[in-house]
Protein backbone atom coordinates (compact mmCIF):
# COMPACT_ATOMS: atom_id res chain seq x y z
CA UNK A 1 -4.83 -21.65 58.59
CA UNK A 2 -4.37 -21.90 62.64
CA UNK A 3 -0.67 -23.38 62.55
CA UNK A 4 -0.20 -19.96 59.85
CA UNK A 5 -1.37 -17.67 62.91
CA UNK A 6 0.43 -19.78 65.51
CA UNK A 7 3.65 -19.40 63.42
CA UNK A 8 2.87 -15.72 62.63
CA UNK A 9 2.80 -15.29 66.76
CA UNK A 10 6.02 -17.15 66.97
CA UNK A 11 7.90 -14.76 64.85
CA UNK A 12 6.88 -11.86 66.06
CA UNK A 13 8.20 -12.96 69.39
CA UNK A 14 10.97 -14.32 67.78
CA UNK A 15 12.05 -11.08 66.08
CA UNK A 16 12.19 -9.45 68.95
CA UNK A 17 15.40 -10.50 69.81
CA UNK A 18 16.51 -9.53 66.23
CA UNK A 19 17.28 -5.73 66.68
CA UNK A 20 19.19 -6.31 70.28
CA UNK A 21 21.40 -8.50 68.44
CA UNK A 22 22.36 -5.72 66.19
CA UNK A 23 23.80 -3.75 69.33
CA UNK A 24 26.02 -7.17 69.19
CA UNK A 25 30.43 -5.63 69.03
CA UNK A 26 28.74 -1.26 69.96
CA UNK A 27 29.80 -0.30 73.34
CA UNK A 28 26.78 1.58 74.66
CA UNK A 29 29.25 4.35 75.82
CA UNK A 30 29.54 5.01 72.38
CA UNK A 31 26.04 5.11 71.51
CA UNK A 32 23.97 8.10 70.90
CA UNK A 33 21.47 8.56 73.81
CA UNK A 34 18.40 7.62 71.26
CA UNK A 35 20.06 4.49 70.99
CA UNK A 36 21.02 4.21 74.55
CA UNK A 37 17.51 4.71 75.10
CA UNK A 38 15.95 2.70 72.53
CA UNK A 39 18.28 -0.23 74.23
CA UNK A 40 16.90 -0.92 77.68
CA UNK A 41 13.70 -0.71 76.17
CA UNK A 42 14.38 -3.62 74.02
CA UNK A 43 15.95 -5.52 77.31
CA UNK A 44 12.95 -4.94 78.50
CA UNK A 45 10.87 -5.62 75.84
CA UNK A 46 12.47 -9.38 75.59
CA UNK A 47 12.40 -10.09 79.22
CA UNK A 48 8.42 -8.78 79.11
CA UNK A 49 7.70 -11.28 76.01
CA UNK A 50 9.28 -14.57 77.63
CA UNK A 51 7.63 -13.83 81.15
CA UNK A 52 4.38 -13.53 78.76
CA UNK A 53 4.95 -16.12 75.90
CA UNK A 54 6.80 -18.64 77.90
CA UNK A 55 5.73 -18.69 81.28
CA UNK A 56 2.05 -17.14 81.64
CA UNK A 57 -1.28 -17.68 79.01
CA UNK A 58 -1.39 -13.60 77.74
CA UNK A 59 -4.75 -13.78 79.09
CA UNK A 60 -3.64 -13.35 82.28
CA UNK A 61 -1.05 -11.31 81.97
CA UNK A 62 -3.15 -7.81 82.25
CA UNK A 63 -0.26 -6.29 85.32
CA UNK A 64 2.61 -6.81 83.00
CA UNK A 65 0.70 -6.27 80.32
CA UNK A 66 -0.13 -2.13 81.45
CA UNK A 67 3.87 -1.73 83.36
CA UNK A 68 4.91 -2.65 79.81
CA UNK A 69 2.53 -0.15 77.98
CA UNK A 70 3.86 2.42 80.78
CA UNK A 71 8.03 1.81 80.03
CA UNK A 72 7.67 1.51 76.40
CA UNK A 73 5.93 4.65 75.74
CA UNK A 74 7.51 6.99 78.58
CA UNK A 75 11.25 4.81 76.11
CA UNK A 76 9.59 6.35 73.11
CA UNK A 77 9.06 9.85 74.53
CA UNK A 78 12.65 10.27 76.46
CA UNK A 79 13.79 9.48 72.53
CA UNK A 80 11.80 11.81 71.02
CA UNK A 81 12.95 14.52 73.55
CA UNK A 82 16.35 13.61 72.57
CA UNK A 83 16.19 13.58 69.05
CA UNK A 84 13.34 16.86 68.86
CA UNK A 85 15.95 19.03 70.19
CA UNK A 86 14.66 22.92 70.36
CA UNK A 87 13.87 25.24 72.71
CA UNK A 88 10.22 25.04 71.07
CA UNK A 89 9.79 21.49 71.95
CA UNK A 90 10.57 21.84 75.66
CA UNK A 91 6.50 23.33 75.34
CA UNK A 92 5.03 20.08 74.51
CA UNK A 93 7.26 17.34 76.15
CA UNK A 94 6.33 18.26 79.72
CA UNK A 95 2.58 18.31 79.37
CA UNK A 96 2.76 14.97 77.22
CA UNK A 97 4.86 13.19 80.16
CA UNK A 98 2.58 15.11 82.84
CA UNK A 99 -0.45 13.26 81.14
CA UNK A 100 1.11 10.47 80.18
CA UNK A 101 1.82 10.06 84.36
CA UNK A 102 -1.47 11.00 85.10
CA UNK A 103 -2.79 8.22 82.85
CA UNK A 104 -0.35 5.16 85.00
CA UNK A 105 -1.34 7.45 88.14
CA UNK A 106 -4.98 6.65 87.22
CA UNK A 107 -4.75 2.80 86.45
CA UNK A 108 -1.98 2.06 89.01
CA UNK A 109 -3.76 4.01 92.52
CA UNK A 110 -7.32 3.04 91.54
CA UNK A 111 -6.99 -0.39 91.15
CA UNK A 112 -6.92 -0.56 86.79
CA UNK A 113 -3.57 -2.11 86.72
CA UNK A 114 -4.37 -5.48 87.27
CA UNK A 115 -7.16 -5.82 84.49
CA UNK A 116 -7.01 -5.26 80.61
CA UNK A 117 -7.35 -1.97 79.62
CA UNK A 118 -6.70 -0.73 76.49
CA UNK A 119 -6.87 2.89 77.65
CA UNK A 120 -3.08 3.18 78.27
CA UNK A 121 -1.89 1.41 75.20
CA UNK A 122 -4.38 3.42 72.78
CA UNK A 123 -3.12 7.13 74.86
CA UNK A 124 0.48 6.12 74.19
CA UNK A 125 -0.11 4.97 70.40
CA UNK A 126 -1.91 8.62 69.48
CA UNK A 127 0.81 10.28 71.47
CA UNK A 128 3.59 8.45 70.03
CA UNK A 129 1.67 8.91 66.34
CA UNK A 130 2.05 12.77 66.86
CA UNK A 131 5.54 12.97 67.85
CA UNK A 132 7.17 10.36 64.95
CA UNK A 133 5.13 12.58 62.07
CA UNK A 134 6.14 15.79 63.46
CA UNK A 135 9.61 14.43 63.44
CA UNK A 136 9.22 13.43 60.16
CA UNK A 137 7.85 16.88 58.72
CA UNK A 138 11.33 18.02 60.27
CA UNK A 139 13.29 15.40 58.63
CA UNK A 140 11.95 15.93 55.31
CA UNK A 141 12.76 19.91 55.68
CA UNK A 142 16.42 19.18 57.02
CA UNK A 143 18.44 19.93 54.00
CA UNK A 144 21.53 19.12 56.10
CA UNK A 145 20.88 15.46 55.28
CA UNK A 146 21.40 14.47 51.89
CA UNK A 147 20.16 11.02 51.78
CA UNK A 148 17.26 9.70 54.22
CA UNK A 149 17.94 6.29 54.00
CA UNK A 150 21.27 6.67 55.16
CA UNK A 151 20.52 8.40 58.41
CA UNK A 152 19.64 5.98 61.34
CA UNK A 153 16.90 8.34 62.76
CA UNK A 154 15.13 8.02 59.91
CA UNK A 155 14.68 4.24 60.18
CA UNK A 156 14.03 4.16 64.13
CA UNK A 157 10.95 7.08 63.40
CA UNK A 158 9.49 5.01 60.41
CA UNK A 159 9.70 2.16 63.04
CA UNK A 160 7.47 3.76 64.80
CA UNK A 161 5.33 5.71 62.58
CA UNK A 162 4.28 2.13 60.61
CA UNK A 163 3.99 0.33 63.87
CA UNK A 164 1.88 2.70 65.47
CA UNK A 165 -0.25 3.72 62.81
CA UNK A 166 -0.75 0.14 61.72
CA UNK A 167 -2.04 -1.35 65.13
CA UNK A 168 -3.99 2.63 66.26
CA UNK A 169 -7.47 0.45 65.59
CA UNK A 170 -5.90 -2.93 66.87
CA UNK A 171 -5.20 -1.41 70.08
CA UNK A 172 -8.62 0.90 70.37
CA UNK A 173 -10.79 -2.48 70.11
CA UNK A 174 -8.14 -4.41 71.87
CA UNK A 175 -10.39 -5.85 74.51
CA UNK A 176 -13.23 -6.87 71.94
CA UNK A 177 -10.78 -8.69 70.00
CA UNK A 178 -8.86 -10.57 72.23
CA UNK A 179 -11.88 -11.40 74.39
CA UNK A 180 -15.16 -12.27 71.26
CA UNK A 181 -16.53 -15.51 71.52
CA UNK A 182 -15.63 -15.29 67.66
CA UNK A 183 -12.91 -16.89 66.66
CA UNK A 184 -12.42 -15.16 63.15
CA UNK A 185 -12.31 -11.97 65.73
CA UNK A 186 -10.08 -13.23 67.60
CA UNK A 187 -8.18 -13.81 64.73
CA UNK A 188 -7.73 -10.46 63.54
CA UNK A 189 -4.47 -9.74 66.21
CA UNK A 190 -2.72 -11.21 63.85
CA UNK A 191 -2.50 -7.91 61.78
CA UNK A 192 -1.07 -6.76 65.42
CA UNK A 193 1.71 -9.49 65.06
CA UNK A 194 2.35 -8.49 61.22
CA UNK A 195 3.21 -5.27 62.30
CA UNK A 196 5.54 -6.51 65.34
CA UNK A 197 7.51 -8.13 62.84
CA UNK A 198 7.98 -5.24 60.61
CA UNK A 199 8.58 -2.61 63.51
CA UNK A 200 11.61 -5.02 64.78
CA UNK A 201 13.08 -5.26 61.17
CA UNK A 202 13.03 -1.75 61.16
CA UNK A 203 14.13 -1.49 64.43
CA UNK A 204 17.48 -3.19 63.71
CA UNK A 205 17.85 -1.53 60.26
CA UNK A 206 18.36 1.74 62.50
CA UNK A 207 20.69 0.49 64.84
CA UNK A 208 22.62 -1.56 61.38
CA UNK A 209 22.60 2.11 59.87
CA UNK A 210 24.26 3.52 63.08
CA UNK A 211 26.98 0.39 63.52
CA UNK A 212 27.85 1.64 59.84
CA UNK A 213 28.87 4.63 60.68
CA UNK A 214 30.90 3.82 63.41
CA UNK A 215 32.72 0.88 62.92
């Protein structure tokens, strides 16, 4: 069983390369703004995975983990700012960004950035879930999109929705899971790794769907 957990963890890391591979032969200048932001986020995510998985132990990387959480959340908020393009959307993006900035400021300036803290990731997760559900209902009501599965933003939104909804309670109890003396409790983290694999597969599907319309 231990081997199985190690294999899933390794796959979780390796599948982070998958979406980036689908950017091959695509010119960055031709990409839509959401895909440009996604590409930068994916590259940063890969670097974070390499640093945390191969160079250090995961439990000793709270600083990198908190920085990544902030960059990830900010990247996804920027993506939704572009795909939720309406006058009304501007009124709730500003408080989201300000609130998220305050979370980062509290974590950094009060000395919490170097400590493992699930506050930032929980806030990020709730924000992304709200944005993804909002956009999902907008998609299904959009009569100009004849087939949702042929639209790259459908897959992009689905990846965020599934991953963050699936991982919400894992992130809420993250500290309890990762630092528990009970091995069976710590093994619950495999659920996050599984969701992460699905997440990267769906992100790759989004980029691939864009490629089909442009190549």
